[in-house]
All heavy atoms as atom14 arrays in JSON, in Angstrom:
{
  "sequence": "DTPGQYEMATVTFLNDVNLVLAGGSTSTSSTGNPYNTPVSDGSRLVDD",
  "atom14_mask": [
    [1, 1, 1, 1, 1, 1, 1, 1, 0, 0, 0, 0, 0, 0],
    [1, 1, 1, 1, 1, 1, 1, 0, 0, 0, 0, 0, 0, 0],
    [1, 1, 1, 1, 1, 1, 1, 0, 0, 0, 0, 0, 0, 0],
    [1, 1, 1, 1, 0, 0, 0, 0, 0, 0, 0, 0, 0, 0],
    [1, 1, 1, 1, 1, 1, 1, 1, 1, 0, 0, 0, 0, 0],
    [1, 1, 1, 1, 1, 1, 1, 1, 1, 1, 1, 1, 0, 0],
    [1, 1, 1, 1, 1, 1, 1, 1, 1, 0, 0, 0, 0, 0],
    [1, 1, 1, 1, 1, 1, 1, 1, 0, 0, 0, 0, 0, 0],
    [1, 1, 1, 1, 1, 0, 0, 0, 0, 0, 0, 0, 0, 0],
    [1, 1, 1, 1, 1, 1, 1, 0, 0, 0, 0, 0, 0, 0],
    [1, 1, 1, 1, 1, 1, 1, 0, 0, 0, 0, 0, 0, 0],
    [1, 1, 1, 1, 1, 1, 1, 0, 0, 0, 0, 0, 0, 0],
    [1, 1, 1, 1, 1, 1, 1, 1, 1, 1, 1, 0, 0, 0],
    [1, 1, 1, 1, 1, 1, 1, 1, 0, 0, 0, 0, 0, 0],
    [1, 1, 1, 1, 1, 1, 1, 1, 0, 0, 0, 0, 0, 0],
    [1, 1, 1, 1, 1, 1, 1, 1, 0, 0, 0, 0, 0, 0],
    [1, 1, 1, 1, 1, 1, 1, 0, 0, 0, 0, 0, 0, 0],
    [1, 1, 1, 1, 1, 1, 1, 1, 0, 0, 0, 0, 0, 0],
    [1, 1, 1, 1, 1, 1, 1, 1, 0, 0, 0, 0, 0, 0],
    [1, 1, 1, 1, 1, 1, 1, 0, 0, 0, 0, 0, 0, 0],
    [1, 1, 1, 1, 1, 1, 1, 1, 0, 0, 0, 0, 0, 0],
    [1, 1, 1, 1, 1, 0, 0, 0, 0, 0, 0, 0, 0, 0],
    [1, 1, 1, 1, 0, 0, 0, 0, 0, 0, 0, 0, 0, 0],
    [1, 1, 1, 1, 0, 0, 0, 0, 0, 0, 0, 0, 0, 0],
    [1, 1, 1, 1, 1, 1, 0, 0, 0, 0, 0, 0, 0, 0],
    [1, 1, 1, 1, 1, 1, 1, 0, 0, 0, 0, 0, 0, 0],
    [1, 1, 1, 1, 1, 1, 0, 0, 0, 0, 0, 0, 0, 0],
    [1, 1, 1, 1, 1, 1, 1, 0, 0, 0, 0, 0, 0, 0],
    [1, 1, 1, 1, 1, 1, 0, 0, 0, 0, 0, 0, 0, 0],
    [1, 1, 1, 1, 1, 1, 0, 0, 0, 0, 0, 0, 0, 0],
    [1, 1, 1, 1, 1, 1, 1, 0, 0, 0, 0, 0, 0, 0],
    [1, 1, 1, 1, 0, 0, 0, 0, 0, 0, 0, 0, 0, 0],
    [1, 1, 1, 1, 1, 1, 1, 1, 0, 0, 0, 0, 0, 0],
    [1, 1, 1, 1, 1, 1, 1, 0, 0, 0, 0, 0, 0, 0],
    [1, 1, 1, 1, 1, 1, 1, 1, 1, 1, 1, 1, 0, 0],
    [1, 1, 1, 1, 1, 1, 1, 1, 0, 0, 0, 0, 0, 0],
    [1, 1, 1, 1, 1, 1, 1, 0, 0, 0, 0, 0, 0, 0],
    [1, 1, 1, 1, 1, 1, 1, 0, 0, 0, 0, 0, 0, 0],
    [1, 1, 1, 1, 1, 1, 1, 0, 0, 0, 0, 0, 0, 0],
    [1, 1, 1, 1, 1, 1, 0, 0, 0, 0, 0, 0, 0, 0],
    [1, 1, 1, 1, 1, 1, 1, 1, 0, 0, 0, 0, 0, 0],
    [1, 1, 1, 1, 0, 0, 0, 0, 0, 0, 0, 0, 0, 0],
    [1, 1, 1, 1, 1, 1, 0, 0, 0, 0, 0, 0, 0, 0],
    [1, 1, 1, 1, 1, 1, 1, 1, 1, 1, 1, 0, 0, 0],
    [1, 1, 1, 1, 1, 1, 1, 1, 0, 0, 0, 0, 0, 0],
    [1, 1, 1, 1, 1, 1, 1, 0, 0, 0, 0, 0, 0, 0],
    [1, 1, 1, 1, 1, 1, 1, 1, 0, 0, 0, 0, 0, 0],
    [1, 1, 1, 1, 1, 1, 1, 1, 0, 0, 0, 0, 0, 0]
  ],
  "atom14_positions": [
    [[0.82, -1.19, 0.02], [0.02, 0.02, -0.02], [0.83, 1.29, 0.02], [0.38, 2.31, 0.41], [-0.89, 0.01, 1.21], [-2.07, 0.91, 1.03], [-2.41, 1.25, -0.08], [-2.73, 1.28, 2.07], [0.0, 0.0, 0.0], [0.0, 0.0, 0.0], [0.0, 0.0, 0.0], [0.0, 0.0, 0.0], [0.0, 0.0, 0.0], [0.0, 0.0, 0.0]],
    [[2.08, 1.16, -0.45], [2.94, 2.35, -0.6], [3.55, 2.36, -1.92], [3.78, 1.3, -2.54], [4.06, 2.35, 0.52], [4.82, 1.19, 0.32], [3.41, 2.32, 1.9], [0.0, 0.0, 0.0], [0.0, 0.0, 0.0], [0.0, 0.0, 0.0], [0.0, 0.0, 0.0], [0.0, 0.0, 0.0], [0.0, 0.0, 0.0], [0.0, 0.0, 0.0]],
    [[3.85, 3.57, -2.45], [4.49, 3.69, -3.81], [5.71, 2.85, -4.0], [5.9, 2.25, -5.06], [4.84, 5.17, -3.91], [3.85, 5.86, -2.99], [3.67, 4.93, -1.82], [0.0, 0.0, 0.0], [0.0, 0.0, 0.0], [0.0, 0.0, 0.0], [0.0, 0.0, 0.0], [0.0, 0.0, 0.0], [0.0, 0.0, 0.0], [0.0, 0.0, 0.0]],
    [[6.52, 2.64, -2.92], [7.71, 1.85, -3.04], [7.51, 0.37, -3.26], [8.42, -0.35, -3.54], [0.0, 0.0, 0.0], [0.0, 0.0, 0.0], [0.0, 0.0, 0.0], [0.0, 0.0, 0.0], [0.0, 0.0, 0.0], [0.0, 0.0, 0.0], [0.0, 0.0, 0.0], [0.0, 0.0, 0.0], [0.0, 0.0, 0.0], [0.0, 0.0, 0.0]],
    [[6.28, -0.06, -3.08], [5.92, -1.47, -3.14], [5.13, -1.81, -4.39], [4.61, -2.92, -4.52], [5.19, -1.94, -1.89], [6.03, -1.87, -0.62], [5.26, -2.42, 0.58], [4.19, -1.96, 0.84], [5.85, -3.43, 1.23], [0.0, 0.0, 0.0], [0.0, 0.0, 0.0], [0.0, 0.0, 0.0], [0.0, 0.0, 0.0], [0.0, 0.0, 0.0]],
    [[4.96, -0.83, -5.29], [4.12, -1.09, -6.44], [4.68, -2.2, -7.39], [3.95, -2.89, -8.02], [3.92, 0.2, -7.27], [2.97, 1.16, -6.58], [3.13, 2.55, -6.7], [1.87, 0.72, -5.83], [2.3, 3.4, -6.12], [0.98, 1.54, -5.28], [1.21, 2.9, -5.39], [0.31, 3.79, -4.79], [0.0, 0.0, 0.0], [0.0, 0.0, 0.0]],
    [[6.01, -2.18, -7.47], [6.61, -3.27, -8.3], [6.27, -4.65, -7.74], [5.95, -5.55, -8.46], [8.14, -3.06, -8.41], [8.88, -4.24, -9.01], [8.58, -4.53, -10.43], [7.86, -3.68, -11.08], [9.0, -5.55, -10.97], [0.0, 0.0, 0.0], [0.0, 0.0, 0.0], [0.0, 0.0, 0.0], [0.0, 0.0, 0.0], [0.0, 0.0, 0.0]],
    [[6.35, -4.8, -6.42], [6.06, -6.03, -5.77], [4.55, -6.38, -5.97], [4.22, -7.54, -6.15], [6.38, -5.99, -4.28], [6.15, -7.36, -3.59], [7.1, -8.74, -4.28], [8.75, -8.26, -3.87], [0.0, 0.0, 0.0], [0.0, 0.0, 0.0], [0.0, 0.0, 0.0], [0.0, 0.0, 0.0], [0.0, 0.0, 0.0], [0.0, 0.0, 0.0]],
    [[3.71, -5.35, -5.9], [2.26, -5.56, -6.15], [2.06, -6.08, -7.56], [1.21, -7.0, -7.74], [1.51, -4.28, -5.94], [0.0, 0.0, 0.0], [0.0, 0.0, 0.0], [0.0, 0.0, 0.0], [0.0, 0.0, 0.0], [0.0, 0.0, 0.0], [0.0, 0.0, 0.0], [0.0, 0.0, 0.0], [0.0, 0.0, 0.0], [0.0, 0.0, 0.0]],
    [[2.79, -5.54, -8.48], [2.62, -5.97, -9.87], [3.13, -7.4, -10.1], [2.49, -8.23, -10.69], [3.45, -5.06, -10.8], [3.11, -3.69, -10.56], [3.15, -5.4, -12.29], [0.0, 0.0, 0.0], [0.0, 0.0, 0.0], [0.0, 0.0, 0.0], [0.0, 0.0, 0.0], [0.0, 0.0, 0.0], [0.0, 0.0, 0.0], [0.0, 0.0, 0.0]],
    [[4.24, -7.73, -9.43], [4.76, -9.09, -9.52], [3.75, -10.1, -8.85], [3.47, -11.19, -9.39], [6.06, -9.21, -8.76], [6.53, -10.63, -8.63], [7.14, -8.4, -9.6], [0.0, 0.0, 0.0], [0.0, 0.0, 0.0], [0.0, 0.0, 0.0], [0.0, 0.0, 0.0], [0.0, 0.0, 0.0], [0.0, 0.0, 0.0], [0.0, 0.0, 0.0]],
    [[3.23, -9.72, -7.74], [2.19, -10.59, -7.02], [1.0, -10.8, -7.91], [0.53, -11.94, -8.09], [1.79, -9.92, -5.74], [2.89, -9.81, -4.9], [0.7, -10.79, -5.02], [0.0, 0.0, 0.0], [0.0, 0.0, 0.0], [0.0, 0.0, 0.0], [0.0, 0.0, 0.0], [0.0, 0.0, 0.0], [0.0, 0.0, 0.0], [0.0, 0.0, 0.0]],
    [[0.53, -9.73, -8.51], [-0.65, -9.84, -9.41], [-0.36, -10.78, -10.57], [-1.15, -11.65, -10.92], [-1.1, -8.45, -9.88], [-2.1, -8.51, -11.01], [-3.37, -8.87, -10.81], [-1.75, -8.16, -12.32], [-4.34, -8.88, -11.81], [-2.62, -8.21, -13.37], [-3.93, -8.57, -13.08], [0.0, 0.0, 0.0], [0.0, 0.0, 0.0], [0.0, 0.0, 0.0]],
    [[0.8, -10.55, -11.2], [1.13, -11.38, -12.4], [1.3, -12.8, -12.0], [0.89, -13.69, -12.79], [2.41, -10.81, -12.98], [2.32, -9.47, -13.74], [3.67, -8.95, -14.14], [1.42, -9.57, -14.97], [0.0, 0.0, 0.0], [0.0, 0.0, 0.0], [0.0, 0.0, 0.0], [0.0, 0.0, 0.0], [0.0, 0.0, 0.0], [0.0, 0.0, 0.0]],
    [[1.91, -13.1, -10.87], [2.04, -14.46, -10.45], [0.7, -15.11, -10.21], [0.48, -16.29, -10.55], [2.86, -14.54, -9.15], [4.36, -14.43, -9.45], [4.83, -14.73, -10.48], [5.09, -13.86, -8.44], [0.0, 0.0, 0.0], [0.0, 0.0, 0.0], [0.0, 0.0, 0.0], [0.0, 0.0, 0.0], [0.0, 0.0, 0.0], [0.0, 0.0, 0.0]],
    [[-0.29, -14.33, -9.6], [-1.63, -14.9, -9.45], [-2.26, -15.18, -10.78], [-2.92, -16.24, -10.93], [-2.51, -13.87, -8.64], [-2.08, -13.79, -7.16], [-1.45, -14.71, -6.75], [-2.48, -12.81, -6.54], [0.0, 0.0, 0.0], [0.0, 0.0, 0.0], [0.0, 0.0, 0.0], [0.0, 0.0, 0.0], [0.0, 0.0, 0.0], [0.0, 0.0, 0.0]],
    [[-2.12, -14.29, -11.75], [-2.63, -14.54, -13.06], [-2.02, -15.79, -13.7], [-2.72, -16.62, -14.27], [-2.45, -13.33, -14.0], [-2.74, -13.7, -15.44], [-3.26, -12.12, -13.5], [0.0, 0.0, 0.0], [0.0, 0.0, 0.0], [0.0, 0.0, 0.0], [0.0, 0.0, 0.0], [0.0, 0.0, 0.0], [0.0, 0.0, 0.0], [0.0, 0.0, 0.0]],
    [[-0.72, -15.91, -13.64], [0.0, -16.99, -14.19], [-0.44, -18.37, -13.56], [-0.6, -19.34, -14.29], [1.47, -16.81, -13.98], [2.29, -17.78, -14.9], [1.99, -17.91, -16.08], [3.32, -18.35, -14.37], [0.0, 0.0, 0.0], [0.0, 0.0, 0.0], [0.0, 0.0, 0.0], [0.0, 0.0, 0.0], [0.0, 0.0, 0.0], [0.0, 0.0, 0.0]],
    [[-0.72, -18.37, -12.27], [-1.14, -19.57, -11.61], [-2.51, -20.01, -12.14], [-2.74, -21.22, -12.38], [-1.3, -19.36, -10.1], [0.07, -19.31, -9.27], [-0.2, -18.91, -7.87], [0.7, -20.71, -9.35], [0.0, 0.0, 0.0], [0.0, 0.0, 0.0], [0.0, 0.0, 0.0], [0.0, 0.0, 0.0], [0.0, 0.0, 0.0], [0.0, 0.0, 0.0]],
    [[-3.45, -19.07, -12.32], [-4.72, -19.42, -12.88], [-4.62, -19.94, -14.33], [-5.19, -21.02, -14.64], [-5.66, -18.23, -12.9], [-6.96, -18.56, -13.58], [-5.95, -17.81, -11.42], [0.0, 0.0, 0.0], [0.0, 0.0, 0.0], [0.0, 0.0, 0.0], [0.0, 0.0, 0.0], [0.0, 0.0, 0.0], [0.0, 0.0, 0.0], [0.0, 0.0, 0.0]],
    [[-3.78, -19.3, -15.09], [-3.66, -19.76, -16.49], [-2.96, -21.12, -16.58], [-3.38, -22.0, -17.39], [-2.85, -18.64, -17.28], [-3.46, -17.23, -17.38], [-2.54, -16.37, -18.19], [-4.84, -17.31, -18.01], [0.0, 0.0, 0.0], [0.0, 0.0, 0.0], [0.0, 0.0, 0.0], [0.0, 0.0, 0.0], [0.0, 0.0, 0.0], [0.0, 0.0, 0.0]],
    [[-1.96, -21.28, -15.74], [-1.23, -22.53, -15.83], [-2.06, -23.67, -15.22], [-1.9, -24.83, -15.64], [0.09, -22.4, -15.04], [0.0, 0.0, 0.0], [0.0, 0.0, 0.0], [0.0, 0.0, 0.0], [0.0, 0.0, 0.0], [0.0, 0.0, 0.0], [0.0, 0.0, 0.0], [0.0, 0.0, 0.0], [0.0, 0.0, 0.0], [0.0, 0.0, 0.0]],
    [[-2.92, -23.36, -14.3], [-3.69, -24.39, -13.65], [-4.87, -24.86, -14.49], [-5.52, -25.87, -14.2], [0.0, 0.0, 0.0], [0.0, 0.0, 0.0], [0.0, 0.0, 0.0], [0.0, 0.0, 0.0], [0.0, 0.0, 0.0], [0.0, 0.0, 0.0], [0.0, 0.0, 0.0], [0.0, 0.0, 0.0], [0.0, 0.0, 0.0], [0.0, 0.0, 0.0]],
    [[-5.13, -24.11, -15.6], [-6.18, -24.56, -16.47], [-7.59, -24.52, -15.83], [-8.46, -25.3, -16.15], [0.0, 0.0, 0.0], [0.0, 0.0, 0.0], [0.0, 0.0, 0.0], [0.0, 0.0, 0.0], [0.0, 0.0, 0.0], [0.0, 0.0, 0.0], [0.0, 0.0, 0.0], [0.0, 0.0, 0.0], [0.0, 0.0, 0.0], [0.0, 0.0, 0.0]],
    [[-7.75, -23.61, -14.87], [-9.05, -23.5, -14.16], [-10.08, -22.77, -15.02], [-10.55, -21.7, -14.68], [-8.9, -22.85, -12.84], [-8.4, -21.49, -13.0], [0.0, 0.0, 0.0], [0.0, 0.0, 0.0], [0.0, 0.0, 0.0], [0.0, 0.0, 0.0], [0.0, 0.0, 0.0], [0.0, 0.0, 0.0], [0.0, 0.0, 0.0], [0.0, 0.0, 0.0]],
    [[-10.34, -23.34, -16.17], [-11.25, -22.7, -17.07], [-12.74, -22.92, -16.66], [-13.05, -23.87, -16.01], [-11.16, -23.27, -18.5], [-11.35, -24.7, -18.42], [-9.78, -22.95, -19.08], [0.0, 0.0, 0.0], [0.0, 0.0, 0.0], [0.0, 0.0, 0.0], [0.0, 0.0, 0.0], [0.0, 0.0, 0.0], [0.0, 0.0, 0.0], [0.0, 0.0, 0.0]],
    [[-13.55, -21.92, -16.89], [-14.97, -22.06, -16.5], [-15.73, -22.87, -17.56], [-15.19, -23.09, -18.69], [-15.57, -20.67, -16.42], [-15.64, -20.05, -17.7], [0.0, 0.0, 0.0], [0.0, 0.0, 0.0], [0.0, 0.0, 0.0], [0.0, 0.0, 0.0], [0.0, 0.0, 0.0], [0.0, 0.0, 0.0], [0.0, 0.0, 0.0], [0.0, 0.0, 0.0]],
    [[-16.85, -23.3, -17.22], [-17.72, -24.03, -18.17], [-18.36, -23.2, -19.22], [-18.88, -23.64, -20.21], [-18.79, -24.84, -17.43], [-19.59, -23.94, -16.7], [-18.14, -25.81, -16.51], [0.0, 0.0, 0.0], [0.0, 0.0, 0.0], [0.0, 0.0, 0.0], [0.0, 0.0, 0.0], [0.0, 0.0, 0.0], [0.0, 0.0, 0.0], [0.0, 0.0, 0.0]],
    [[-18.31, -21.93, -18.95], [-18.9, -20.95, -19.92], [-17.8, -20.51, -20.92], [-16.7, -20.16, -20.55], [-19.38, -19.7, -19.23], [-19.73, -18.7, -20.17], [0.0, 0.0, 0.0], [0.0, 0.0, 0.0], [0.0, 0.0, 0.0], [0.0, 0.0, 0.0], [0.0, 0.0, 0.0], [0.0, 0.0, 0.0], [0.0, 0.0, 0.0], [0.0, 0.0, 0.0]],
    [[-18.12, -20.6, -22.18], [-17.13, -20.18, -23.2], [-17.01, -18.7, -23.28], [-16.05, -18.14, -23.88], [-17.61, -20.69, -24.59], [-18.89, -20.12, -24.94], [0.0, 0.0, 0.0], [0.0, 0.0, 0.0], [0.0, 0.0, 0.0], [0.0, 0.0, 0.0], [0.0, 0.0, 0.0], [0.0, 0.0, 0.0], [0.0, 0.0, 0.0], [0.0, 0.0, 0.0]],
    [[-17.94, -17.93, -22.63], [-17.86, -16.48, -22.7], [-17.28, -15.89, -21.46], [-17.16, -14.68, -21.37], [-19.29, -15.9, -22.92], [-20.13, -16.32, -21.87], [-19.84, -16.35, -24.22], [0.0, 0.0, 0.0], [0.0, 0.0, 0.0], [0.0, 0.0, 0.0], [0.0, 0.0, 0.0], [0.0, 0.0, 0.0], [0.0, 0.0, 0.0], [0.0, 0.0, 0.0]],
    [[-16.98, -16.7, -20.44], [-16.43, -16.16, -19.19], [-17.41, -15.16, -18.52], [-18.53, -15.54, -18.26], [0.0, 0.0, 0.0], [0.0, 0.0, 0.0], [0.0, 0.0, 0.0], [0.0, 0.0, 0.0], [0.0, 0.0, 0.0], [0.0, 0.0, 0.0], [0.0, 0.0, 0.0], [0.0, 0.0, 0.0], [0.0, 0.0, 0.0], [0.0, 0.0, 0.0]],
    [[-17.04, -13.97, -18.29], [-17.92, -12.99, -17.72], [-18.2, -11.91, -18.76], [-17.52, -10.87, -18.86], [-17.2, -12.3, -16.54], [-18.07, -11.22, -15.89], [-19.22, -11.07, -16.24], [-17.47, -10.42, -15.04], [0.0, 0.0, 0.0], [0.0, 0.0, 0.0], [0.0, 0.0, 0.0], [0.0, 0.0, 0.0], [0.0, 0.0, 0.0], [0.0, 0.0, 0.0]],
    [[-19.25, -12.15, -19.59], [-19.53, -11.24, -20.7], [-19.99, -9.82, -20.18], [-19.98, -8.93, -20.98], [-20.68, -11.96, -21.46], [-21.31, -12.78, -20.37], [-20.22, -13.25, -19.5], [0.0, 0.0, 0.0], [0.0, 0.0, 0.0], [0.0, 0.0, 0.0], [0.0, 0.0, 0.0], [0.0, 0.0, 0.0], [0.0, 0.0, 0.0], [0.0, 0.0, 0.0]],
    [[-20.43, -9.76, -18.93], [-20.92, -8.44, -18.47], [-19.81, -7.63, -17.79], [-20.03, -6.45, -17.52], [-22.02, -8.71, -17.44], [-23.14, -9.54, -18.0], [-23.5, -10.77, -17.42], [-23.93, -9.08, -19.07], [-24.52, -11.51, -17.99], [-24.96, -9.8, -19.57], [-25.25, -11.06, -19.0], [-26.25, -11.78, -19.52], [0.0, 0.0, 0.0], [0.0, 0.0, 0.0]],
    [[-18.67, -8.2, -17.51], [-17.64, -7.47, -16.83], [-18.21, -6.71, -15.63], [-18.02, -5.56, -15.44], [-16.93, -6.48, -17.76], [-16.16, -7.21, -18.88], [-15.32, -8.03, -18.54], [-16.45, -6.93, -20.09], [0.0, 0.0, 0.0], [0.0, 0.0, 0.0], [0.0, 0.0, 0.0], [0.0, 0.0, 0.0], [0.0, 0.0, 0.0], [0.0, 0.0, 0.0]],
    [[-18.9, -7.48, -14.76], [-19.61, -6.89, -13.66], [-18.64, -6.15, -12.74], [-17.64, -6.74, -12.29], [-20.35, -7.94, -12.85], [-21.24, -8.64, -13.76], [-21.13, -7.41, -11.71], [0.0, 0.0, 0.0], [0.0, 0.0, 0.0], [0.0, 0.0, 0.0], [0.0, 0.0, 0.0], [0.0, 0.0, 0.0], [0.0, 0.0, 0.0], [0.0, 0.0, 0.0]],
    [[-18.94, -4.92, -12.43], [-18.05, -4.17, -11.45], [-18.02, -4.94, -10.08], [-19.04, -5.49, -9.7], [-18.71, -2.85, -11.33], [-19.52, -2.64, -12.53], [-19.99, -4.04, -12.9], [0.0, 0.0, 0.0], [0.0, 0.0, 0.0], [0.0, 0.0, 0.0], [0.0, 0.0, 0.0], [0.0, 0.0, 0.0], [0.0, 0.0, 0.0], [0.0, 0.0, 0.0]],
    [[-16.9, -4.87, -9.43], [-16.82, -5.52, -8.16], [-16.43, -4.59, -7.09], [-15.98, -3.45, -7.34], [-15.75, -6.67, -8.22], [-16.14, -7.81, -9.16], [-14.36, -6.11, -8.64], [0.0, 0.0, 0.0], [0.0, 0.0, 0.0], [0.0, 0.0, 0.0], [0.0, 0.0, 0.0], [0.0, 0.0, 0.0], [0.0, 0.0, 0.0], [0.0, 0.0, 0.0]],
    [[-16.57, -4.93, -5.82], [-16.38, -4.06, -4.72], [-15.16, -4.59, -3.99], [-14.38, -5.35, -4.48], [-17.53, -4.11, -3.75], [-17.59, -5.35, -3.11], [0.0, 0.0, 0.0], [0.0, 0.0, 0.0], [0.0, 0.0, 0.0], [0.0, 0.0, 0.0], [0.0, 0.0, 0.0], [0.0, 0.0, 0.0], [0.0, 0.0, 0.0], [0.0, 0.0, 0.0]],
    [[-14.98, -4.08, -2.71], [-13.82, -4.46, -1.92], [-14.09, -5.75, -1.15], [-13.35, -6.1, -0.26], [-13.4, -3.39, -0.99], [-14.53, -3.01, -0.03], [-15.59, -3.63, -0.08], [-14.32, -2.15, 0.82], [0.0, 0.0, 0.0], [0.0, 0.0, 0.0], [0.0, 0.0, 0.0], [0.0, 0.0, 0.0], [0.0, 0.0, 0.0], [0.0, 0.0, 0.0]],
    [[-15.15, -6.5, -1.51], [-15.45, -7.75, -0.8], [-16.36, -7.57, 0.35], [-16.65, -8.53, 1.1], [0.0, 0.0, 0.0], [0.0, 0.0, 0.0], [0.0, 0.0, 0.0], [0.0, 0.0, 0.0], [0.0, 0.0, 0.0], [0.0, 0.0, 0.0], [0.0, 0.0, 0.0], [0.0, 0.0, 0.0], [0.0, 0.0, 0.0], [0.0, 0.0, 0.0]],
    [[-16.76, -6.34, 0.61], [-17.66, -6.1, 1.8], [-18.98, -6.85, 1.55], [-19.49, -6.96, 0.44], [-17.95, -4.61, 1.94], [-18.96, -4.37, 2.88], [0.0, 0.0, 0.0], [0.0, 0.0, 0.0], [0.0, 0.0, 0.0], [0.0, 0.0, 0.0], [0.0, 0.0, 0.0], [0.0, 0.0, 0.0], [0.0, 0.0, 0.0], [0.0, 0.0, 0.0]],
    [[-19.6, -7.31, 2.67], [-20.86, -7.98, 2.54], [-22.07, -7.02, 2.39], [-23.16, -7.44, 2.24], [-21.09, -8.9, 3.78], [-20.08, -10.01, 3.87], [-20.37, -10.92, 5.08], [-19.49, -12.04, 5.07], [-18.39, -12.15, 5.83], [-18.09, -11.15, 6.67], [-17.63, -13.21, 5.78], [0.0, 0.0, 0.0], [0.0, 0.0, 0.0], [0.0, 0.0, 0.0]],
    [[-21.76, -5.72, 2.42], [-22.82, -4.75, 2.16], [-22.33, -3.71, 1.19], [-21.24, -3.09, 1.41], [-23.24, -4.01, 3.44], [-24.13, -2.79, 3.28], [-25.42, -3.18, 2.62], [-24.41, -2.13, 4.65], [0.0, 0.0, 0.0], [0.0, 0.0, 0.0], [0.0, 0.0, 0.0], [0.0, 0.0, 0.0], [0.0, 0.0, 0.0], [0.0, 0.0, 0.0]],
    [[-22.91, -3.64, 0.0], [-22.55, -2.64, -1.04], [-23.77, -1.85, -1.38], [-24.64, -2.28, -2.15], [-21.97, -3.4, -2.27], [-21.47, -2.37, -3.28], [-20.83, -4.3, -1.87], [0.0, 0.0, 0.0], [0.0, 0.0, 0.0], [0.0, 0.0, 0.0], [0.0, 0.0, 0.0], [0.0, 0.0, 0.0], [0.0, 0.0, 0.0], [0.0, 0.0, 0.0]],
    [[-23.85, -0.66, -0.81], [-25.03, 0.17, -0.99], [-24.83, 1.25, -2.1], [-24.77, 2.46, -1.77], [-25.43, 0.84, 0.32], [-26.75, 1.62, 0.24], [-27.53, 1.32, -0.67], [-26.93, 2.54, 1.04], [0.0, 0.0, 0.0], [0.0, 0.0, 0.0], [0.0, 0.0, 0.0], [0.0, 0.0, 0.0], [0.0, 0.0, 0.0], [0.0, 0.0, 0.0]],
    [[-24.6, 0.82, -3.35], [-24.33, 1.75, -4.41], [-25.54, 2.64, -4.74], [-25.39, 3.67, -5.34], [-23.92, 0.96, -5.67], [-22.47, 0.43, -5.57], [-21.7, 0.88, -4.68], [-22.11, -0.46, -6.32], [0.0, 0.0, 0.0], [0.0, 0.0, 0.0], [0.0, 0.0, 0.0], [0.0, 0.0, 0.0], [0.0, 0.0, 0.0], [0.0, 0.0, 0.0]]
  ]
}
C-alpha cells in the first residue's frame, strides 16, 4: 500500500494470473464474464 511497493504488487498480481492460466481452471462458460460486472472491496454490504 505504498508507492515503493508497487513493483512487488505488480509481481504478485502477475504471479496470481499465471497460476490461474497454468492451472487450467477454465470455466464451463465459453464467454467467461460477458458483463464485466463491477466488483467491490469484498464487503458484505454494497449500497451503491
